[in-house]
């Protein structure tokens, strides 16, 4: 079964360096231009579906601001 993932970005740590965006193999992360963090940056966030939960974004983040959650899709979700 394919894997599905999501990320949570700690906005107190994210400095909008874009390393997560550049290194995301699924290309599903972007800076959220509609929000500004307490430190004055646009935080990274998922902007479309397709995250597999690979964890690359978390590994390359110099501030350790990204937590990755991964789960298996059910057969019903995979076929939908």
C-alpha atoms as a PDB file:
ATOM      1  CA  UNK A   1       0.000   0.000   0.000  1.00  0.00           C
ATOM      2  CA  UNK A   2       1.246   3.510  -0.762  1.00  0.00           C
ATOM      3  CA  UNK A   3       2.282   5.692   2.125  1.00  0.00           C
ATOM      4  CA  UNK A   4       0.675   8.988   2.985  1.00  0.00           C
ATOM      5  CA  UNK A   5       2.319  11.686   5.022  1.00  0.00           C
ATOM      6  CA  UNK A   6       1.966  15.128   6.462  1.00  0.00           C
ATOM      7  CA  UNK A   7       4.265  17.601   8.121  1.00  0.00           C
ATOM      8  CA  UNK A   8       3.973  19.971  11.043  1.00  0.00           C
ATOM      9  CA  UNK A   9       6.219  23.018  10.953  1.00  0.00           C
ATOM     10  CA  UNK A  10       7.157  24.732  14.222  1.00  0.00           C
ATOM     11  CA  UNK A  11       6.659  28.353  13.246  1.00  0.00           C
ATOM     12  CA  UNK A  12       8.827  29.515  16.141  1.00  0.00           C
ATOM     13  CA  UNK A  13      11.786  27.750  14.518  1.00  0.00           C
ATOM     14  CA  UNK A  14      11.170  28.016  10.750  1.00  0.00           C
ATOM     15  CA  UNK A  15      13.331  30.692   9.122  1.00  0.00           C
ATOM     16  CA  UNK A  16      12.069  30.219   5.542  1.00  0.00           C
ATOM     17  CA  UNK A  17      15.432  28.959   4.268  1.00  0.00           C
ATOM     18  CA  UNK A  18      13.605  26.842   1.647  1.00  0.00           C
ATOM     19  CA  UNK A  19      15.885  23.804   2.041  1.00  0.00           C
ATOM     20  CA  UNK A  20      12.808  21.635   2.659  1.00  0.00           C
ATOM     21  CA  UNK A  21      11.186  22.962  -0.519  1.00  0.00           C
ATOM     22  CA  UNK A  22      14.224  22.350  -2.715  1.00  0.00           C
ATOM     23  CA  UNK A  23      14.815  18.846  -1.332  1.00  0.00           C
ATOM     24  CA  UNK A  24      11.214  17.551  -1.274  1.00  0.00           C
ATOM     25  CA  UNK A  25      11.075  14.697  -3.818  1.00  0.00           C
ATOM     26  CA  UNK A  26       7.284  15.042  -4.114  1.00  0.00           C
ATOM     27  CA  UNK A  27       7.497  18.858  -4.538  1.00  0.00           C
ATOM     28  CA  UNK A  28       4.571  19.476  -2.157  1.00  0.00           C
ATOM     29  CA  UNK A  29       6.103  22.073   0.190  1.00  0.00           C
ATOM     30  CA  UNK A  30       6.054  25.845  -0.315  1.00  0.00           C
ATOM     31  CA  UNK A  31       6.311  28.981   1.764  1.00  0.00           C
ATOM     32  CA  UNK A  32       2.893  30.082   2.997  1.00  0.00           C
ATOM     33  CA  UNK A  33       2.780  33.697   1.809  1.00  0.00           C
ATOM     34  CA  UNK A  34      -0.498  34.274   3.684  1.00  0.00           C
ATOM     35  CA  UNK A  35       1.134  33.877   7.121  1.00  0.00           C
ATOM     36  CA  UNK A  36       4.098  35.363   8.947  1.00  0.00           C
ATOM     37  CA  UNK A  37       5.821  33.673  11.870  1.00  0.00           C
ATOM     38  CA  UNK A  38       6.631  35.451  15.148  1.00  0.00           C
ATOM     39  CA  UNK A  39      10.187  35.815  13.778  1.00  0.00           C
ATOM     40  CA  UNK A  40       8.930  37.569  10.626  1.00  0.00           C
ATOM     41  CA  UNK A  41       9.219  34.763   8.064  1.00  0.00           C
ATOM     42  CA  UNK A  42       6.722  33.028   5.797  1.00  0.00           C
ATOM     43  CA  UNK A  43       6.622  29.453   7.168  1.00  0.00           C
ATOM     44  CA  UNK A  44       6.979  26.323   5.074  1.00  0.00           C
ATOM     45  CA  UNK A  45       3.851  24.208   4.708  1.00  0.00           C
ATOM     46  CA  UNK A  46       2.256  21.580   2.496  1.00  0.00           C
ATOM     47  CA  UNK A  47       0.457  23.273  -0.364  1.00  0.00           C
ATOM     48  CA  UNK A  48      -0.913  20.207  -2.137  1.00  0.00           C
ATOM     49  CA  UNK A  49      -1.488  16.502  -1.596  1.00  0.00           C
ATOM     50  CA  UNK A  50       1.193  13.970  -2.392  1.00  0.00           C
ATOM     51  CA  UNK A  51       3.406  13.921   0.695  1.00  0.00           C
ATOM     52  CA  UNK A  52       4.707  10.386   1.248  1.00  0.00           C
ATOM     53  CA  UNK A  53       6.192  11.074   4.669  1.00  0.00           C
ATOM     54  CA  UNK A  54       9.705  10.315   3.439  1.00  0.00           C
ATOM     55  CA  UNK A  55      11.243  12.621   6.047  1.00  0.00           C
ATOM     56  CA  UNK A  56      13.722  14.352   3.747  1.00  0.00           C
ATOM     57  CA  UNK A  57      12.410  17.797   4.704  1.00  0.00           C
ATOM     58  CA  UNK A  58      12.909  17.051   8.379  1.00  0.00           C
ATOM     59  CA  UNK A  59      16.461  15.807   7.847  1.00  0.00           C
ATOM     60  CA  UNK A  60      17.600  18.843   5.827  1.00  0.00           C
ATOM     61  CA  UNK A  61      15.956  21.445   8.083  1.00  0.00           C
ATOM     62  CA  UNK A  62      18.799  23.227   9.914  1.00  0.00           C
ATOM     63  CA  UNK A  63      16.445  24.393  12.663  1.00  0.00           C
ATOM     64  CA  UNK A  64      14.748  20.981  13.219  1.00  0.00           C
ATOM     65  CA  UNK A  65      11.442  22.778  12.695  1.00  0.00           C
ATOM     66  CA  UNK A  66       9.677  19.977  10.788  1.00  0.00           C
ATOM     67  CA  UNK A  67       8.014  16.904  12.221  1.00  0.00           C
ATOM     68  CA  UNK A  68       6.896  14.266   9.709  1.00  0.00           C
ATOM     69  CA  UNK A  69       3.954  11.938  10.224  1.00  0.00           C
ATOM     70  CA  UNK A  70       3.499   8.912   7.973  1.00  0.00           C
ATOM     71  CA  UNK A  71       0.715   6.355   7.727  1.00  0.00           C
ATOM     72  CA  UNK A  72      -0.352   3.614   5.384  1.00  0.00           C
ATOM     73  CA  UNK A  73      -3.355   4.390   3.232  1.00  0.00           C
ATOM     74  CA  UNK A  74      -6.202   1.934   3.489  1.00  0.00           C
ATOM     75  CA  UNK A  75      -7.099  -0.069   0.390  1.00  0.00           C
ATOM     76  CA  UNK A  76     -10.248   2.047  -0.034  1.00  0.00           C
ATOM     77  CA  UNK A  77      -8.231   5.321   0.047  1.00  0.00           C
ATOM     78  CA  UNK A  78      -5.658   3.928  -2.396  1.00  0.00           C
ATOM     79  CA  UNK A  79      -8.294   3.096  -4.992  1.00  0.00           C
ATOM     80  CA  UNK A  80     -10.268   6.323  -4.625  1.00  0.00           C
END
